[in-house]
N, C-alpha and C. Protein backbone atom coordinates (compact mmCIF):
# COMPACT_ATOMS: atom_id res chain seq x y z
N MET A 1 112.52 87.16 -188.87
CA MET A 1 114.24 87.19 -187.70
C MET A 1 114.26 86.43 -186.59
N ALA A 2 113.38 86.03 -186.30
CA ALA A 2 113.14 85.25 -185.31
C ALA A 2 113.87 83.91 -185.38
N THR A 3 114.90 83.67 -184.34
CA THR A 3 115.14 81.80 -184.59
C THR A 3 114.13 81.25 -183.77
N SER A 4 114.86 79.81 -183.53
CA SER A 4 114.18 79.28 -183.35
C SER A 4 113.95 79.04 -181.76
N HIS A 5 112.78 79.16 -181.45
CA HIS A 5 112.47 79.22 -179.28
C HIS A 5 113.04 78.57 -178.98
N THR A 6 113.71 78.41 -177.91
CA THR A 6 113.61 77.21 -176.50
C THR A 6 112.20 77.18 -176.03
N GLN A 7 111.67 75.71 -176.77
CA GLN A 7 110.33 75.73 -175.96
C GLN A 7 110.28 74.16 -175.18
N ALA A 8 109.25 73.98 -174.41
CA ALA A 8 109.71 72.88 -173.36
C ALA A 8 109.70 71.14 -173.71
N SER A 9 109.06 71.21 -174.70
CA SER A 9 109.00 69.64 -175.91
C SER A 9 110.43 69.74 -176.28
N GLN A 10 111.37 70.58 -176.58
CA GLN A 10 112.61 70.37 -177.27
C GLN A 10 113.90 70.67 -176.66
N ILE A 11 113.18 70.58 -174.67
CA ILE A 11 114.73 71.06 -173.75
C ILE A 11 114.64 69.60 -173.27
N HIS A 12 115.58 68.84 -173.51
CA HIS A 12 116.17 67.65 -172.73
C HIS A 12 116.71 68.12 -171.13
N HIS A 13 115.82 66.67 -170.49
CA HIS A 13 116.25 66.18 -168.67
C HIS A 13 117.15 65.66 -168.49
N PHE A 14 118.99 66.89 -168.51
CA PHE A 14 120.06 65.93 -167.96
C PHE A 14 120.37 66.67 -166.67
N ALA A 15 121.18 67.20 -166.35
CA ALA A 15 121.94 68.02 -165.43
C ALA A 15 121.19 69.47 -165.02
N PRO A 16 120.16 70.12 -164.05
CA PRO A 16 119.47 70.73 -163.88
C PRO A 16 120.52 72.47 -163.65
N LEU A 17 120.21 73.22 -163.92
CA LEU A 17 121.28 74.35 -163.96
C LEU A 17 121.04 74.08 -162.12
N SER A 18 122.42 74.83 -161.36
CA SER A 18 122.52 74.89 -159.93
C SER A 18 122.06 76.31 -160.00
N GLU A 19 121.75 76.93 -160.23
CA GLU A 19 121.01 78.53 -160.06
C GLU A 19 119.85 79.04 -160.82
N ILE A 20 119.20 79.60 -160.59
CA ILE A 20 118.07 80.10 -161.21
C ILE A 20 117.77 81.57 -161.40
N PRO A 21 117.77 81.77 -162.97
CA PRO A 21 118.29 82.63 -163.54
C PRO A 21 117.01 83.44 -162.81
N PRO A 22 117.91 85.14 -162.81
CA PRO A 22 116.46 86.33 -162.28
C PRO A 22 115.42 86.50 -163.22
N LYS A 23 114.33 86.46 -162.50
CA LYS A 23 112.92 86.47 -163.23
C LYS A 23 113.23 87.70 -164.06
N THR A 24 113.69 89.17 -163.78
CA THR A 24 114.09 90.09 -164.86
C THR A 24 115.15 90.53 -165.48
N PHE A 25 115.47 91.42 -166.29
CA PHE A 25 116.88 91.81 -166.92
C PHE A 25 116.45 93.22 -166.86
N GLU A 26 117.68 94.26 -167.32
CA GLU A 26 116.90 95.72 -167.52
C GLU A 26 118.23 95.94 -168.68
N THR A 27 118.03 96.60 -169.80
CA THR A 27 119.54 96.70 -170.51
C THR A 27 118.85 98.44 -170.32
N GLU A 28 119.37 99.33 -171.84
CA GLU A 28 119.33 100.63 -172.03
C GLU A 28 117.69 100.88 -171.78
N ARG A 29 117.43 100.05 -173.39
CA ARG A 29 115.78 100.14 -173.90
C ARG A 29 115.14 99.07 -173.25
N LEU A 30 114.97 98.14 -173.00
CA LEU A 30 114.89 97.22 -172.74
C LEU A 30 114.17 96.77 -171.03
N LEU A 31 113.28 96.34 -170.78
CA LEU A 31 112.96 95.61 -169.52
C LEU A 31 112.19 94.25 -169.71
N LEU A 32 113.16 92.81 -169.58
CA LEU A 32 113.21 91.77 -169.37
C LEU A 32 112.14 91.21 -168.14
N ARG A 33 111.10 90.10 -168.10
CA ARG A 33 110.17 89.91 -166.90
C ARG A 33 110.14 88.36 -167.33
N ALA A 34 109.38 87.33 -166.14
CA ALA A 34 109.37 86.28 -166.27
C ALA A 34 107.67 86.41 -166.76
N PRO A 35 107.43 85.04 -167.59
CA PRO A 35 105.71 85.84 -167.95
C PRO A 35 105.00 84.70 -166.87
N THR A 36 103.59 85.85 -166.80
CA THR A 36 102.48 84.57 -165.83
C THR A 36 101.53 84.52 -167.05
N LEU A 37 100.58 84.07 -166.61
CA LEU A 37 99.27 83.09 -167.36
C LEU A 37 98.55 84.76 -167.75
N ASP A 38 98.57 85.57 -167.10
CA ASP A 38 97.54 86.34 -167.44
C ASP A 38 98.55 87.38 -169.11
N ASP A 39 99.06 86.96 -169.14
CA ASP A 39 100.24 87.10 -170.52
C ASP A 39 99.45 86.57 -171.69
N CYS A 40 99.57 85.51 -171.36
CA CYS A 40 99.45 84.87 -173.01
C CYS A 40 98.12 85.83 -173.84
N GLU A 41 97.34 86.25 -173.53
CA GLU A 41 96.84 87.03 -174.44
C GLU A 41 97.81 87.95 -175.32
N LEU A 42 98.48 88.83 -174.00
CA LEU A 42 99.41 89.90 -174.89
C LEU A 42 100.49 88.75 -175.97
N MET A 43 100.79 87.97 -175.22
CA MET A 43 101.81 87.06 -176.48
C MET A 43 100.89 86.19 -177.62
N PHE A 44 99.56 86.23 -177.50
CA PHE A 44 98.57 85.92 -178.70
C PHE A 44 99.23 87.08 -179.62
N ARG A 45 98.44 88.53 -179.26
CA ARG A 45 98.40 89.69 -180.27
C ARG A 45 99.82 89.76 -180.38
N THR A 46 101.00 89.85 -179.66
CA THR A 46 101.93 90.64 -180.04
C THR A 46 102.94 89.79 -180.82
N TYR A 47 103.37 88.57 -180.74
CA TYR A 47 103.67 87.76 -181.97
C TYR A 47 103.67 86.02 -182.24
N ALA A 48 103.10 85.77 -181.05
CA ALA A 48 102.32 83.64 -180.89
C ALA A 48 101.90 83.89 -182.36
N SER A 49 100.70 84.81 -182.89
CA SER A 49 99.66 84.46 -183.69
C SER A 49 100.04 84.88 -185.22
N ASP A 50 101.49 85.38 -184.95
CA ASP A 50 101.75 86.13 -186.38
C ASP A 50 102.50 85.45 -186.71
N PRO A 51 102.25 85.32 -188.60
CA PRO A 51 102.35 84.10 -189.33
C PRO A 51 103.94 84.41 -189.76
N VAL A 52 104.60 85.72 -189.87
CA VAL A 52 105.18 86.19 -190.21
C VAL A 52 106.75 86.01 -189.17
N ALA A 53 106.08 86.31 -188.34
CA ALA A 53 107.38 86.03 -187.00
C ALA A 53 107.41 84.99 -186.55
N THR A 54 106.60 84.21 -186.78
CA THR A 54 106.61 82.56 -185.71
C THR A 54 106.94 81.65 -187.09
N LYS A 55 107.27 81.92 -188.28
CA LYS A 55 107.61 81.43 -189.60
C LYS A 55 108.73 80.69 -189.50
N TYR A 56 109.83 81.28 -188.51
CA TYR A 56 111.32 79.92 -188.65
C TYR A 56 110.91 79.31 -187.05
N MET A 57 110.12 79.61 -186.47
CA MET A 57 109.80 78.68 -184.38
C MET A 57 109.98 77.34 -185.10
N SER A 58 110.07 76.85 -183.26
CA SER A 58 110.02 75.35 -183.36
C SER A 58 108.27 75.10 -183.04
N PHE A 59 107.35 76.23 -182.96
CA PHE A 59 105.97 75.97 -182.66
C PHE A 59 105.31 76.60 -183.53
N PRO A 60 104.16 75.57 -183.59
CA PRO A 60 102.78 76.30 -184.57
C PRO A 60 102.49 77.89 -184.25
N CYS A 61 101.91 78.19 -185.44
CA CYS A 61 101.84 79.60 -185.27
C CYS A 61 100.67 79.42 -184.36
N ALA A 62 100.06 80.35 -183.69
CA ALA A 62 99.27 80.39 -182.54
C ALA A 62 97.77 80.78 -183.10
N SER A 63 96.59 79.41 -182.36
CA SER A 63 95.15 80.15 -183.08
C SER A 63 94.46 80.68 -182.30
N SER A 64 94.97 80.75 -180.78
CA SER A 64 94.40 81.40 -179.56
C SER A 64 95.73 81.39 -178.53
N PRO A 65 95.22 82.15 -177.48
CA PRO A 65 96.02 82.75 -176.18
C PRO A 65 96.03 81.24 -175.55
N ALA A 66 95.36 80.14 -175.33
CA ALA A 66 95.83 79.27 -175.01
C ALA A 66 96.56 78.15 -175.50
N ASP A 67 97.17 78.07 -176.72
CA ASP A 67 98.74 77.72 -176.90
C ASP A 67 99.36 77.69 -176.22
N SER A 68 99.93 79.31 -175.96
CA SER A 68 101.27 79.67 -174.74
C SER A 68 100.77 79.51 -173.68
N VAL A 69 99.97 78.60 -172.97
CA VAL A 69 99.69 78.16 -172.03
C VAL A 69 100.47 77.00 -171.38
N PRO A 70 101.17 76.09 -172.01
CA PRO A 70 102.49 75.14 -171.42
C PRO A 70 103.66 76.11 -171.70
N PHE A 71 103.73 76.54 -172.39
CA PHE A 71 105.49 77.71 -172.48
C PHE A 71 105.05 78.44 -171.26
N VAL A 72 103.99 78.79 -170.85
CA VAL A 72 103.92 79.90 -169.68
C VAL A 72 104.15 79.00 -168.57
N LYS A 73 103.20 77.96 -168.20
CA LYS A 73 103.38 76.79 -166.89
C LYS A 73 104.80 76.44 -166.71
N GLY A 74 105.51 76.16 -167.82
CA GLY A 74 106.98 75.49 -167.56
C GLY A 74 107.69 76.75 -167.04
N ALA A 75 107.70 77.75 -167.30
CA ALA A 75 108.34 78.79 -167.39
C ALA A 75 108.30 79.33 -165.89
N MET A 76 106.89 79.45 -165.52
CA MET A 76 106.65 79.96 -163.93
C MET A 76 107.19 78.51 -163.19
N SER A 77 106.95 77.52 -163.41
CA SER A 77 107.20 76.30 -162.18
C SER A 77 109.07 75.98 -162.76
N ASN A 78 109.60 76.51 -163.55
CA ASN A 78 110.61 76.60 -163.70
C ASN A 78 111.79 77.58 -162.49
N PHE A 79 110.74 78.92 -163.10
CA PHE A 79 111.27 80.15 -162.19
C PHE A 79 111.28 79.73 -160.62
N ALA A 80 109.94 78.95 -160.14
CA ALA A 80 109.42 78.56 -158.97
C ALA A 80 110.58 77.78 -158.51
N GLY A 81 111.67 77.05 -158.74
CA GLY A 81 112.44 75.67 -158.36
C GLY A 81 112.10 74.59 -158.62
N GLU A 82 110.77 74.31 -158.98
CA GLU A 82 109.67 73.27 -158.93
C GLU A 82 110.55 71.90 -159.54
N PRO A 83 110.90 70.95 -159.35
CA PRO A 83 111.28 70.23 -160.37
C PRO A 83 110.71 69.82 -161.55
N SER A 84 111.80 69.63 -162.51
CA SER A 84 111.02 69.40 -163.68
C SER A 84 111.61 68.49 -165.22
N ASP A 85 111.37 67.98 -165.81
CA ASP A 85 111.81 67.19 -166.93
C ASP A 85 112.43 68.36 -168.11
N HIS A 86 111.77 69.17 -168.64
CA HIS A 86 112.65 70.47 -168.85
C HIS A 86 112.61 71.71 -168.32
N GLN A 87 113.79 71.72 -168.25
CA GLN A 87 114.02 73.04 -167.45
C GLN A 87 114.39 73.55 -168.39
N MET A 88 113.44 74.84 -168.76
CA MET A 88 113.83 75.92 -169.48
C MET A 88 112.99 77.58 -168.96
N PHE A 89 113.78 78.37 -168.88
CA PHE A 89 113.08 79.66 -168.97
C PHE A 89 113.07 81.02 -169.48
N GLY A 90 111.69 81.45 -169.39
CA GLY A 90 111.81 82.19 -170.51
C GLY A 90 111.04 83.85 -170.27
N TRP A 91 111.51 85.15 -171.15
CA TRP A 91 110.84 86.01 -170.48
C TRP A 91 110.53 86.96 -172.01
N LEU A 92 109.38 87.89 -170.95
CA LEU A 92 108.64 88.57 -172.32
C LEU A 92 109.54 90.13 -172.58
N VAL A 93 109.66 90.72 -173.79
CA VAL A 93 110.31 91.67 -173.92
C VAL A 93 109.80 92.65 -173.59
N PHE A 94 109.72 94.34 -172.71
CA PHE A 94 109.28 95.09 -172.82
C PHE A 94 110.14 96.54 -173.40
N ARG A 95 109.92 97.19 -173.82
CA ARG A 95 110.09 98.36 -174.51
C ARG A 95 110.11 99.18 -173.65
N LYS A 96 111.02 99.85 -172.34
CA LYS A 96 111.14 100.53 -171.40
C LYS A 96 110.55 102.36 -171.95
N GLU A 97 110.09 102.60 -172.98
CA GLU A 97 110.08 104.24 -173.07
C GLU A 97 108.32 103.96 -173.56
N THR A 98 107.92 103.36 -174.13
CA THR A 98 106.66 103.16 -174.34
C THR A 98 105.40 102.05 -173.34
N GLY A 99 106.39 101.13 -172.58
CA GLY A 99 105.90 100.11 -172.26
C GLY A 99 105.31 98.78 -173.78
N GLU A 100 105.68 98.71 -174.28
CA GLU A 100 104.95 97.97 -175.36
C GLU A 100 106.23 96.42 -175.28
N CYS A 101 105.22 95.03 -175.48
CA CYS A 101 105.80 94.40 -175.28
C CYS A 101 106.36 93.78 -176.71
N LEU A 102 107.40 93.69 -177.07
CA LEU A 102 108.19 93.80 -178.66
C LEU A 102 108.32 92.10 -178.62
N GLY A 103 108.07 91.30 -177.66
CA GLY A 103 108.59 89.10 -178.02
C GLY A 103 109.30 88.85 -176.69
N SER A 104 109.55 87.57 -176.82
CA SER A 104 110.25 87.52 -175.55
C SER A 104 111.71 86.70 -176.19
N VAL A 105 111.92 86.05 -175.17
CA VAL A 105 113.71 85.64 -175.55
C VAL A 105 113.31 84.53 -174.27
N GLY A 106 114.39 83.24 -174.68
CA GLY A 106 114.55 81.94 -173.92
C GLY A 106 115.72 81.23 -173.88
N ILE A 107 115.96 80.66 -172.82
CA ILE A 107 117.10 79.72 -172.44
C ILE A 107 116.71 78.24 -171.96
N GLY A 108 117.35 77.63 -171.77
CA GLY A 108 116.85 76.36 -171.04
C GLY A 108 117.54 75.18 -171.48
N VAL A 109 117.73 73.62 -170.74
CA VAL A 109 118.56 73.12 -170.78
C VAL A 109 118.96 71.76 -172.06
N HIS A 110 119.97 72.02 -172.16
CA HIS A 110 120.38 71.13 -173.56
C HIS A 110 120.02 69.75 -173.24
N ASP A 111 122.10 69.47 -172.84
CA ASP A 111 122.53 67.78 -172.55
C ASP A 111 123.23 68.42 -171.16
N ALA A 112 124.07 67.62 -171.13
CA ALA A 112 124.67 67.97 -169.27
C ALA A 112 125.65 69.05 -169.25
N THR A 113 126.31 69.43 -169.61
CA THR A 113 126.75 70.47 -169.66
C THR A 113 126.45 72.14 -170.64
N SER A 114 125.04 71.91 -171.62
CA SER A 114 125.16 73.09 -172.45
C SER A 114 124.11 73.59 -172.60
N LEU A 115 123.50 74.53 -172.78
CA LEU A 115 122.29 75.44 -172.61
C LEU A 115 121.40 75.45 -174.30
N SER A 116 120.13 75.86 -174.25
CA SER A 116 119.86 76.00 -175.87
C SER A 116 118.67 77.44 -175.76
N GLY A 117 119.26 78.10 -176.51
CA GLY A 117 117.85 79.25 -176.30
C GLY A 117 117.77 80.09 -177.70
N GLY A 118 116.97 80.93 -178.05
CA GLY A 118 116.29 81.72 -178.48
C GLY A 118 115.63 82.89 -178.59
N TYR A 119 114.82 83.40 -179.36
CA TYR A 119 114.65 83.99 -179.22
C TYR A 119 112.74 84.62 -180.62
N ILE A 120 112.18 85.92 -180.09
CA ILE A 120 111.08 86.19 -180.99
C ILE A 120 110.38 87.07 -181.05
N LEU A 121 110.67 88.09 -182.02
CA LEU A 121 109.85 89.49 -181.95
C LEU A 121 109.01 89.60 -183.14
N ALA A 122 108.03 90.32 -182.64
CA ALA A 122 107.27 91.04 -183.33
C ALA A 122 107.99 91.86 -184.72
N PRO A 123 107.44 91.71 -185.97
CA PRO A 123 108.23 91.93 -187.15
C PRO A 123 108.33 93.60 -187.21
N SER A 124 107.48 94.19 -186.21
CA SER A 124 107.44 95.64 -186.06
C SER A 124 108.59 95.78 -185.14
N ALA A 125 109.19 95.44 -184.72
CA ALA A 125 110.58 95.39 -183.76
C ALA A 125 111.86 95.03 -184.20
N TRP A 126 111.85 94.28 -185.97
CA TRP A 126 112.93 94.34 -186.34
C TRP A 126 113.67 95.59 -186.85
N GLY A 127 114.97 94.99 -186.65
CA GLY A 127 116.26 95.71 -187.82
C GLY A 127 116.16 97.32 -186.49
N GLN A 128 115.90 96.99 -185.53
CA GLN A 128 116.13 97.88 -184.19
C GLN A 128 117.83 97.69 -183.58
N GLY A 129 117.57 96.58 -183.14
CA GLY A 129 118.60 96.30 -182.55
C GLY A 129 118.58 95.46 -181.03
N PHE A 130 116.90 95.37 -181.17
CA PHE A 130 116.40 94.96 -179.92
C PHE A 130 116.57 93.20 -179.72
N ALA A 131 116.74 92.99 -180.91
CA ALA A 131 116.81 91.05 -180.55
C ALA A 131 118.25 91.40 -179.93
N THR A 132 119.51 91.50 -180.14
CA THR A 132 120.46 91.46 -179.68
C THR A 132 121.05 91.93 -178.44
N GLU A 133 119.90 93.02 -178.17
CA GLU A 133 119.77 93.88 -176.55
C GLU A 133 119.15 92.95 -175.65
N ALA A 134 117.57 92.08 -176.27
CA ALA A 134 117.65 91.62 -175.42
C ALA A 134 118.20 90.38 -174.65
N TRP A 135 118.30 90.22 -175.66
CA TRP A 135 118.99 88.10 -175.79
C TRP A 135 120.52 88.17 -174.64
N ARG A 136 120.85 89.63 -175.21
CA ARG A 136 122.20 89.93 -174.51
C ARG A 136 122.22 89.67 -173.06
N PRO A 137 121.59 89.97 -172.13
CA PRO A 137 121.68 89.88 -170.51
C PRO A 137 121.39 88.23 -169.97
N VAL A 138 120.98 87.62 -171.18
CA VAL A 138 120.19 85.85 -170.49
C VAL A 138 121.46 84.98 -171.06
N ILE A 139 122.32 85.82 -172.20
CA ILE A 139 123.38 85.03 -172.58
C ILE A 139 124.66 85.16 -171.60
N GLU A 140 124.79 86.35 -171.46
CA GLU A 140 125.60 86.69 -170.33
C GLU A 140 125.19 85.96 -168.79
N TRP A 141 124.24 86.27 -168.10
CA TRP A 141 124.13 85.07 -167.47
C TRP A 141 124.47 83.66 -167.59
N ALA A 142 124.13 83.03 -168.49
CA ALA A 142 124.21 81.72 -168.75
C ALA A 142 126.12 81.47 -169.14
N LYS A 143 126.84 82.27 -168.96
CA LYS A 143 128.47 82.18 -169.55
C LYS A 143 129.11 82.23 -168.19
N ALA A 144 128.20 82.99 -166.85
CA ALA A 144 128.66 82.76 -165.68
C ALA A 144 128.14 82.02 -165.31
N GLN A 145 127.41 81.24 -165.44
CA GLN A 145 127.29 79.79 -164.71
C GLN A 145 128.64 78.46 -164.84
N SER A 146 129.15 78.12 -163.68
CA SER A 146 130.22 77.58 -163.99
C SER A 146 129.97 76.38 -164.65
N ASN A 147 129.17 75.62 -164.44
CA ASN A 147 128.17 74.82 -165.21
C ASN A 147 127.85 74.17 -166.26
N VAL A 148 127.93 75.62 -166.93
CA VAL A 148 127.44 75.87 -168.33
C VAL A 148 128.62 75.69 -169.14
N GLN A 149 129.08 74.73 -170.22
CA GLN A 149 130.25 74.44 -171.10
C GLN A 149 129.86 75.08 -172.07
N ARG A 150 128.77 74.81 -173.06
CA ARG A 150 128.29 75.17 -174.23
C ARG A 150 127.26 76.38 -174.57
N ILE A 151 126.87 76.93 -174.86
CA ILE A 151 125.48 77.80 -175.50
C ILE A 151 125.15 77.60 -176.61
N ARG A 152 124.34 77.03 -177.39
CA ARG A 152 124.26 76.79 -178.51
C ARG A 152 122.55 77.09 -179.19
N ALA A 153 122.53 77.91 -180.29
CA ALA A 153 121.43 78.48 -180.97
C ALA A 153 121.27 77.86 -182.29
N GLU A 154 120.42 77.76 -182.58
CA GLU A 154 120.11 77.68 -184.25
C GLU A 154 119.33 78.58 -185.22
N HIS A 155 119.49 78.54 -186.66
CA HIS A 155 118.70 79.48 -187.24
C HIS A 155 118.44 78.47 -188.75
N HIS A 156 117.05 79.00 -189.13
CA HIS A 156 117.13 78.70 -190.77
C HIS A 156 117.88 79.09 -191.70
N PRO A 157 118.69 78.47 -193.32
CA PRO A 157 119.64 78.71 -193.73
C PRO A 157 119.11 80.12 -194.38
N ASP A 158 117.35 80.37 -194.92
CA ASP A 158 117.05 81.55 -194.77
C ASP A 158 116.62 82.26 -194.57
N ASN A 159 117.47 82.50 -192.87
CA ASN A 159 117.04 83.49 -191.57
C ASN A 159 118.22 83.67 -191.50
N PRO A 160 119.11 84.46 -192.09
CA PRO A 160 120.91 85.69 -192.08
C PRO A 160 120.61 85.89 -190.58
N ALA A 161 119.95 86.85 -190.69
CA ALA A 161 119.60 87.96 -189.46
C ALA A 161 120.05 87.06 -188.31
N SER A 162 119.40 86.38 -188.40
CA SER A 162 119.32 85.88 -186.93
C SER A 162 120.95 85.73 -186.17
N GLY A 163 121.58 84.73 -187.46
CA GLY A 163 123.03 84.49 -187.24
C GLY A 163 123.55 85.69 -187.00
N ASN A 164 123.38 86.65 -187.51
CA ASN A 164 124.14 88.23 -187.13
C ASN A 164 124.51 88.01 -185.63
N VAL A 165 122.79 88.25 -184.76
CA VAL A 165 122.04 88.00 -183.63
C VAL A 165 123.11 87.50 -182.91
N MET A 166 123.61 86.08 -183.62
CA MET A 166 124.08 85.58 -182.71
C MET A 166 126.06 85.38 -182.43
N ARG A 167 126.53 85.96 -183.43
CA ARG A 167 127.33 85.94 -183.75
C ARG A 167 127.80 87.69 -182.76
N LYS A 168 127.25 88.59 -182.83
CA LYS A 168 127.47 89.79 -181.97
C LYS A 168 127.33 89.50 -180.37
N LEU A 169 126.67 88.46 -180.40
CA LEU A 169 126.48 87.43 -178.99
C LEU A 169 127.94 86.98 -178.40
N GLY A 170 128.85 86.74 -179.59
CA GLY A 170 129.82 85.90 -179.15
C GLY A 170 129.76 84.09 -179.16
N LEU A 171 128.32 83.85 -180.36
CA LEU A 171 128.49 82.84 -180.42
C LEU A 171 129.54 82.90 -182.03
N ARG A 172 129.69 81.32 -182.07
CA ARG A 172 130.46 81.29 -183.35
C ARG A 172 130.02 80.30 -184.43
N SER A 173 129.60 80.43 -185.37
CA SER A 173 128.72 79.50 -186.81
C SER A 173 129.50 77.64 -186.39
N VAL A 174 128.63 76.77 -186.32
CA VAL A 174 129.74 75.22 -185.86
C VAL A 174 128.63 74.82 -187.23
N GLY A 175 127.98 75.22 -188.38
CA GLY A 175 128.19 74.61 -189.65
C GLY A 175 126.74 74.17 -189.77
N LEU A 176 126.28 73.60 -190.63
CA LEU A 176 125.01 73.32 -190.91
C LEU A 176 124.45 72.12 -190.93
N TYR A 177 123.47 71.99 -190.02
CA TYR A 177 122.92 70.17 -189.65
C TYR A 177 122.08 69.84 -191.14
N PRO A 178 122.20 69.38 -191.22
CA PRO A 178 121.51 68.60 -192.81
C PRO A 178 120.23 67.99 -191.56
N THR A 179 118.54 68.33 -192.04
CA THR A 179 117.65 67.65 -191.91
C THR A 179 117.49 67.80 -189.89
N HIS A 180 117.98 68.65 -189.34
CA HIS A 180 118.26 68.96 -187.69
C HIS A 180 117.02 69.29 -187.33
N SER A 181 115.86 70.19 -187.04
CA SER A 181 114.90 70.33 -187.17
C SER A 181 113.55 70.94 -187.47
N LEU A 182 112.61 70.40 -186.53
CA LEU A 182 111.40 70.71 -187.22
C LEU A 182 110.83 72.02 -187.14
N LEU A 183 110.48 72.51 -187.98
CA LEU A 183 109.77 73.66 -188.02
C LEU A 183 108.87 73.81 -188.30
N PRO A 184 107.26 73.53 -187.79
CA PRO A 184 106.34 73.28 -188.46
C PRO A 184 105.41 74.46 -189.63
N ASN A 185 106.15 74.91 -189.34
CA ASN A 185 105.97 76.44 -190.47
C ASN A 185 106.18 76.39 -191.58
N VAL A 186 107.45 75.86 -191.74
CA VAL A 186 108.26 75.88 -192.66
C VAL A 186 107.75 74.50 -193.54
N SER A 187 108.17 73.30 -192.94
CA SER A 187 107.69 71.98 -193.95
C SER A 187 106.59 71.07 -192.40
N SER A 188 106.59 69.80 -192.71
CA SER A 188 106.21 68.92 -192.11
C SER A 188 107.39 67.80 -191.47
N GLU A 189 108.52 68.11 -192.29
CA GLU A 189 109.98 67.30 -192.13
C GLU A 189 110.83 68.32 -191.78
N LYS A 190 111.72 67.44 -190.97
CA LYS A 190 112.97 68.39 -190.85
C LYS A 190 114.11 68.80 -191.52
N VAL A 191 113.88 70.14 -191.31
CA VAL A 191 114.84 70.86 -192.56
C VAL A 191 116.10 70.62 -191.62
N ASP A 192 116.84 71.54 -192.60
CA ASP A 192 118.56 72.01 -192.29
C ASP A 192 118.35 73.25 -191.50
N MET A 193 119.44 72.92 -190.75
CA MET A 193 119.69 74.39 -189.44
C MET A 193 120.64 74.87 -189.79
N VAL A 194 121.24 76.16 -189.71
CA VAL A 194 122.30 76.53 -189.19
C VAL A 194 122.50 76.54 -187.65
N VAL A 195 123.80 75.41 -187.10
CA VAL A 195 123.92 75.86 -185.29
C VAL A 195 125.40 76.92 -185.18
N TRP A 196 124.75 77.55 -184.14
CA TRP A 196 125.72 78.28 -183.39
C TRP A 196 126.28 77.75 -182.24
N ALA A 197 127.60 78.81 -181.52
CA ALA A 197 127.72 77.71 -180.18
C ALA A 197 128.78 78.52 -179.60
N TRP A 198 128.47 78.89 -178.30
CA TRP A 198 129.63 79.49 -177.36
C TRP A 198 130.42 78.60 -176.52
N ASP A 199 132.05 78.30 -176.64
CA ASP A 199 132.25 76.82 -175.98
C ASP A 199 133.31 77.69 -174.76
N ARG A 200 133.46 77.40 -173.78
CA ARG A 200 134.30 77.62 -172.73
C ARG A 200 135.55 77.59 -172.92
N GLY A 201 136.13 78.32 -172.72
CA GLY A 201 137.66 77.78 -172.72
C GLY A 201 138.19 78.09 -174.58
N ALA A 202 136.91 78.52 -175.11
CA ALA A 202 137.50 78.37 -177.04
C ALA A 202 137.89 79.88 -176.68
N SER A 203 138.84 79.76 -178.15
CA SER A 203 139.67 80.62 -178.15
C SER A 203 138.67 81.41 -179.33
């Protein structure tokens, strides 16, 4: 059910965000917080090493906790406001009732006026509305940034549940883009993707 998650290797450096997002968000059921290097093992156990969770992701299924280090270091650097060629931000998602880690969400600079983002959840968290709830505060924060004109996301055609999440968050389907993105857990070649977007001023 996960969509393509924002990764440092896929975010282009054009115009940095004028404001650094909060390190934490809170919803009715969830707590989102910025990751630290101590979280790599937790990320590995929760979702990064799960072939089902990572199937439609833009990064390979992890073989060790160390595979998450570049992503976490990049997020930490950007939250600290350090200069970066790949401005991206990520948050781990925890269920407040139990403290259980459910997955992560992220967003980053895509081009001069737009952001691109995604999420990943452990399969045990699917079908309970957590994806929409977790990603909503991040998307709403992004919409409030005056220099952001577009927020985009994408999912594999065989993963329509992610499109439902995007629709609930106010994005609209832009269309099917052939041979658009590399999903290493699906194919060694670029695959078709359904692209969604929120555009400022669009009715």
